PDB file of N, CA and C in Angstrom:
ATOM      1  N   MET A   1       1.051  -1.161  -0.111  1.00  0.00           N
ATOM      2  CA  MET A   1      -0.021   0.119   0.037  1.00  0.00           C
ATOM      3  C   MET A   1       0.853   1.241   0.009  1.00  0.00           C
ATOM      4  N   ASP A   2       0.297   2.343  -0.775  1.00  0.00           N
ATOM      5  CA  ASP A   2       1.192   3.610  -0.891  1.00  0.00           C
ATOM      6  C   ASP A   2       0.733   4.258   0.402  1.00  0.00           C
ATOM      7  N   LYS A   3       1.511   5.596   0.734  1.00  0.00           N
ATOM      8  CA  LYS A   3       1.209   6.433   1.734  1.00  0.00           C
ATOM      9  C   LYS A   3       0.052   6.934   1.555  1.00  0.00           C
ATOM     10  N   GLN A   4      -0.425   7.339   0.751  1.00  0.00           N
ATOM     11  CA  GLN A   4      -2.080   8.118   0.434  1.00  0.00           C
ATOM     12  C   GLN A   4      -3.072   7.052   0.972  1.00  0.00           C
ATOM     13  N   ILE A   5      -2.908   5.595   1.082  1.00  0.00           N
ATOM     14  CA  ILE A   5      -4.021   5.012   1.501  1.00  0.00           C
ATOM     15  C   ILE A   5      -3.799   5.385   3.104  1.00  0.00           C
ATOM     16  N   LEU A   6      -2.550   5.262   3.716  1.00  0.00           N
ATOM     17  CA  LEU A   6      -2.577   5.372   5.012  1.00  0.00           C
ATOM     18  C   LEU A   6      -3.309   6.946   5.516  1.00  0.00           C
ATOM     19  N   ARG A   7      -3.102   7.736   4.774  1.00  0.00           N
ATOM     20  CA  ARG A   7      -3.534   9.192   5.088  1.00  0.00           C
ATOM     21  C   ARG A   7      -4.811   9.229   4.808  1.00  0.00           C
ATOM     22  N   ASN A   8      -5.488   8.253   4.089  1.00  0.00           N
ATOM     23  CA  ASN A   8      -6.776   8.394   3.895  1.00  0.00           C
ATOM     24  C   ASN A   8      -7.464   7.462   4.974  1.00  0.00           C
ATOM     25  N   LYS A   9      -6.967   6.522   5.450  1.00  0.00           N
ATOM     26  CA  LYS A   9      -7.389   5.906   6.573  1.00  0.00           C
ATOM     27  C   LYS A   9      -7.645   6.411   7.898  1.00  0.00           C
ATOM     28  N   LEU A  10      -6.579   7.346   8.142  1.00  0.00           N
ATOM     29  CA  LEU A  10      -6.499   8.002   9.378  1.00  0.00           C
ATOM     30  C   LEU A  10      -7.519   8.856   9.888  1.00  0.00           C
ATOM     31  N   PRO A  11      -8.262   9.575   9.112  1.00  0.00           N
ATOM     32  CA  PRO A  11      -9.511  10.391   9.450  1.00  0.00           C
ATOM     33  C   PRO A  11     -10.665   9.479   9.836  1.00  0.00           C
ATOM     34  N   SER A  12     -10.631   8.136   9.182  1.00  0.00           N
ATOM     35  CA  SER A  12     -11.720   7.297   9.525  1.00  0.00           C
ATOM     36  C   SER A  12     -11.542   6.932  11.045  1.00  0.00           C
ATOM     37  N   THR A  13     -10.418   6.957  11.709  1.00  0.00           N
ATOM     38  CA  THR A  13     -10.078   6.531  13.004  1.00  0.00           C
ATOM     39  C   THR A  13     -10.501   7.593  13.913  1.00  0.00           C
ATOM     40  N   ASP A  14     -10.704   8.792  13.587  1.00  0.00           N
ATOM     41  CA  ASP A  14     -10.910  10.129  14.371  1.00  0.00           C
ATOM     42  C   ASP A  14     -12.238   9.824  15.276  1.00  0.00           C
ATOM     43  N   SER A  15     -12.359  10.176  16.519  1.00  0.00           N
ATOM     44  CA  SER A  15     -13.436  10.271  17.320  1.00  0.00           C
ATOM     45  C   SER A  15     -14.339   8.830  17.173  1.00  0.00           C
ATOM     46  N   LYS A  16     -13.324   7.721  17.075  1.00  0.00           N
ATOM     47  CA  LYS A  16     -13.881   6.290  16.923  1.00  0.00           C
ATOM     48  C   LYS A  16     -13.435   5.580  17.912  1.00  0.00           C
ATOM     49  N   ASP A  17     -13.869   4.242  18.411  1.00  0.00           N
ATOM     50  CA  ASP A  17     -13.348   3.734  19.716  1.00  0.00           C
ATOM     51  C   ASP A  17     -12.162   3.353  19.180  1.00  0.00           C
ATOM     52  N   TYR A  18     -11.354   2.570  20.272  1.00  0.00           N
ATOM     53  CA  TYR A  18     -10.081   2.126  20.266  1.00  0.00           C
ATOM     54  C   TYR A  18      -9.599   1.092  19.084  1.00  0.00           C
ATOM     55  N   GLY A  19     -10.691   0.139  18.755  1.00  0.00           N
ATOM     56  CA  GLY A  19     -10.415  -0.894  17.999  1.00  0.00           C
ATOM     57  C   GLY A  19     -10.549  -0.522  16.632  1.00  0.00           C
ATOM     58  N   SER A  20     -10.854   0.904  16.148  1.00  0.00           N
ATOM     59  CA  SER A  20     -10.920   1.350  14.959  1.00  0.00           C
ATOM     60  C   SER A  20      -9.269   1.387  14.477  1.00  0.00           C
ATOM     61  N   TYR A  21      -8.405   1.266  15.260  1.00  0.00           N
ATOM     62  CA  TYR A  21      -7.087   1.354  14.878  1.00  0.00           C
ATOM     63  C   TYR A  21      -6.642  -0.078  14.102  1.00  0.00           C
ATOM     64  N   GLN A  22      -7.087  -0.852  14.398  1.00  0.00           N
ATOM     65  CA  GLN A  22      -6.931  -1.933  13.569  1.00  0.00           C
ATOM     66  C   GLN A  22      -6.969  -1.930  12.078  1.00  0.00           C
ATOM     67  N   SER A  23      -7.752  -1.107  11.571  1.00  0.00           N
ATOM     68  CA  SER A  23      -7.897  -0.866  10.303  1.00  0.00           C
ATOM     69  C   SER A  23      -6.543  -0.294   9.697  1.00  0.00           C
ATOM     70  N   LEU A  24      -5.616   0.058  10.415  1.00  0.00           N
ATOM     71  CA  LEU A  24      -4.238   0.608  10.022  1.00  0.00           C
ATOM     72  C   LEU A  24      -3.459  -0.395   9.893  1.00  0.00           C
ATOM     73  N   LEU A  25      -3.518  -1.523  10.028  1.00  0.00           N
ATOM     74  CA  LEU A  25      -2.415  -2.563  10.077  1.00  0.00           C
ATOM     75  C   LEU A  25      -2.143  -2.739   8.304  1.00  0.00           C
ATOM     76  N   GLY A  26      -0.899  -2.778   8.310  1.00  0.00           N
ATOM     77  CA  GLY A  26      -0.596  -3.084   6.628  1.00  0.00           C
ATOM     78  C   GLY A  26       0.874  -2.479   6.612  1.00  0.00           C
ATOM     79  N   THR A  27       1.107  -2.730   5.418  1.00  0.00           N
ATOM     80  CA  THR A  27       2.677  -2.190   5.132  1.00  0.00           C
ATOM     81  C   THR A  27       2.476  -0.782   3.977  1.00  0.00           C
ATOM     82  N   TYR A  28       3.048   0.342   4.227  1.00  0.00           N
ATOM     83  CA  TYR A  28       2.856   1.337   3.548  1.00  0.00           C
ATOM     84  C   TYR A  28       4.146   1.885   3.069  1.00  0.00           C
ATOM     85  N   ASP A  29       4.313   1.972   1.613  1.00  0.00           N
ATOM     86  CA  ASP A  29       5.571   2.570   0.910  1.00  0.00           C
ATOM     87  C   ASP A  29       5.739   3.778   0.728  1.00  0.00           C
ATOM     88  N   TYR A  30       6.841   4.449   1.410  1.00  0.00           N
ATOM     89  CA  TYR A  30       6.645   5.865   1.109  1.00  0.00           C
ATOM     90  C   TYR A  30       8.226   6.416   0.491  1.00  0.00           C
ATOM     91  N   GLY A  31       8.263   5.326  -0.289  1.00  0.00           N
ATOM     92  CA  GLY A  31       9.506   5.585  -1.416  1.00  0.00           C
ATOM     93  C   GLY A  31      10.961   5.142  -0.905  1.00  0.00           C
ATOM     94  N   LEU A  32      11.508   5.999   0.013  1.00  0.00           N
ATOM     95  CA  LEU A  32      12.678   5.939   0.746  1.00  0.00           C
ATOM     96  C   LEU A  32      12.466   4.958   1.879  1.00  0.00           C
ATOM     97  N   PHE A  33      11.429   4.539   2.364  1.00  0.00           N
ATOM     98  CA  PHE A  33      11.161   3.706   3.421  1.00  0.00           C
ATOM     99  C   PHE A  33       9.773   3.306   3.341  1.00  0.00           C
ATOM    100  N   ARG A  34       9.772   2.117   3.987  1.00  0.00           N
ATOM    101  CA  ARG A  34       8.468   1.234   4.235  1.00  0.00           C
ATOM    102  C   ARG A  34       8.134   1.370   5.598  1.00  0.00           C
ATOM    103  N   LEU A  35       6.945   1.738   6.006  1.00  0.00           N
ATOM    104  CA  LEU A  35       6.237   1.675   7.613  1.00  0.00           C
ATOM    105  C   LEU A  35       5.395   0.413   7.499  1.00  0.00           C
ATOM    106  N   ILE A  36       5.923  -0.487   8.395  1.00  0.00           N
ATOM    107  CA  ILE A  36       4.961  -1.862   8.538  1.00  0.00           C
ATOM    108  C   ILE A  36       4.331  -1.642  10.165  1.00  0.00           C
ATOM    109  N   ILE A  37       2.916  -1.750  10.000  1.00  0.00           N
ATOM    110  CA  ILE A  37       2.216  -1.694  11.117  1.00  0.00           C
ATOM    111  C   ILE A  37       1.846  -3.131  11.488  1.00  0.00           C
ATOM    112  N   GLN A  38       2.330  -4.019  12.243  1.00  0.00           N
ATOM    113  CA  GLN A  38       2.150  -5.406  12.252  1.00  0.00           C
ATOM    114  C   GLN A  38       0.798  -5.719  13.483  1.00  0.00           C
ATOM    115  N   GLN A  39       1.098  -4.998  14.544  1.00  0.00           N
ATOM    116  CA  GLN A  39       0.305  -5.401  15.689  1.00  0.00           C
ATOM    117  C   GLN A  39      -0.112  -3.574  16.293  1.00  0.00           C
ATOM    118  N   ILE A  40      -1.406  -3.746  16.623  1.00  0.00           N
ATOM    119  CA  ILE A  40      -1.896  -2.594  17.411  1.00  0.00           C
ATOM    120  C   ILE A  40      -2.600  -3.415  18.396  1.00  0.00           C
ATOM    121  N   PRO A  41      -2.338  -2.812  19.830  1.00  0.00           N
ATOM    122  CA  PRO A  41      -3.046  -3.298  21.020  1.00  0.00           C
ATOM    123  C   PRO A  41      -4.583  -2.783  20.825  1.00  0.00           C
ATOM    124  N   LYS A  42      -5.571  -3.996  21.222  1.00  0.00           N
ATOM    125  CA  LYS A  42      -6.814  -3.863  21.256  1.00  0.00           C
ATOM    126  C   LYS A  42      -7.286  -3.268  22.297  1.00  0.00           C
ATOM    127  N   ASP A  43      -6.442  -3.177  23.344  1.00  0.00           N
ATOM    128  CA  ASP A  43      -6.795  -2.501  25.032  1.00  0.00           C
ATOM    129  C   ASP A  43      -6.036  -1.357  24.986  1.00  0.00           C
ATOM    130  N   PRO A  44      -6.583  -0.161  25.137  1.00  0.00           N
ATOM    131  CA  PRO A  44      -5.782   1.253  25.381  1.00  0.00           C
ATOM    132  C   PRO A  44      -5.176   1.009  26.561  1.00  0.00           C
ATOM    133  N   TYR A  45      -5.166   0.160  27.501  1.00  0.00           N
ATOM    134  CA  TYR A  45      -4.481   0.077  28.694  1.00  0.00           C
ATOM    135  C   TYR A  45      -3.469  -0.981  28.428  1.00  0.00           C
ATOM    136  N   ALA A  46      -3.276  -1.750  27.542  1.00  0.00           N
ATOM    137  CA  ALA A  46      -1.994  -2.548  26.995  1.00  0.00           C
ATOM    138  C   ALA A  46      -0.950  -1.911  26.662  1.00  0.00           C
ATOM    139  N   PRO A  47       0.345  -2.537  27.107  1.00  0.00           N
ATOM    140  CA  PRO A  47       1.723  -1.962  26.481  1.00  0.00           C
ATOM    141  C   PRO A  47       1.772  -1.463  25.098  1.00  0.00           C
ATOM    142  N   PRO A  48       2.118  -0.624  24.707  1.00  0.00           N
ATOM    143  CA  PRO A  48       2.411  -0.328  23.385  1.00  0.00           C
ATOM    144  C   PRO A  48       3.117  -1.636  22.675  1.00  0.00           C
ATOM    145  N   HIS A  49       2.994  -1.793  21.336  1.00  0.00           N
ATOM    146  CA  HIS A  49       3.921  -2.517  20.527  1.00  0.00           C
ATOM    147  C   HIS A  49       4.640  -1.692  19.855  1.00  0.00           C
ATOM    148  N   THR A  50       6.058  -2.537  19.141  1.00  0.00           N
ATOM    149  CA  THR A  50       6.783  -1.684  18.350  1.00  0.00           C
ATOM    150  C   THR A  50       6.469  -1.739  17.175  1.00  0.00           C
ATOM    151  N   GLY A  51       6.987  -1.027  16.107  1.00  0.00           N
ATOM    152  CA  GLY A  51       6.868  -0.964  14.656  1.00  0.00           C
ATOM    153  C   GLY A  51       8.036  -1.251  13.974  1.00  0.00           C
ATOM    154  N   ILE A  52       7.911  -1.243  12.673  1.00  0.00           N
ATOM    155  CA  ILE A  52       8.837  -1.738  11.959  1.00  0.00           C
ATOM    156  C   ILE A  52       9.056  -0.552  10.639  1.00  0.00           C
ATOM    157  N   TYR A  53      10.288   0.173  10.566  1.00  0.00           N
ATOM    158  CA  TYR A  53      10.411   0.847   9.409  1.00  0.00           C
ATOM    159  C   TYR A  53      11.684   0.165   8.657  1.00  0.00           C
ATOM    160  N   ARG A  54      11.743   0.332   7.352  1.00  0.00           N
ATOM    161  CA  ARG A  54      12.891  -0.385   6.429  1.00  0.00           C
ATOM    162  C   ARG A  54      13.017   0.697   5.336  1.00  0.00           C
ATOM    163  N   ILE A  55      14.469   0.633   5.633  1.00  0.00           N
ATOM    164  CA  ILE A  55      15.036   1.732   4.506  1.00  0.00           C
ATOM    165  C   ILE A  55      15.688   1.176   3.488  1.00  0.00           C
TER     166      ILE A  55
END
């Protein structure tokens, strides 16, 4: 997926419940690097997960 897809998805999470962030999972290509979102905690009180970016 390209960066425009992530940009389009972000507004759909605004003012929604925490579970809506699951829609952001995926790989986003920014040309010089890739952003990979593999895990998003389903519980807002859970510890954060790490992300991956590849150059």
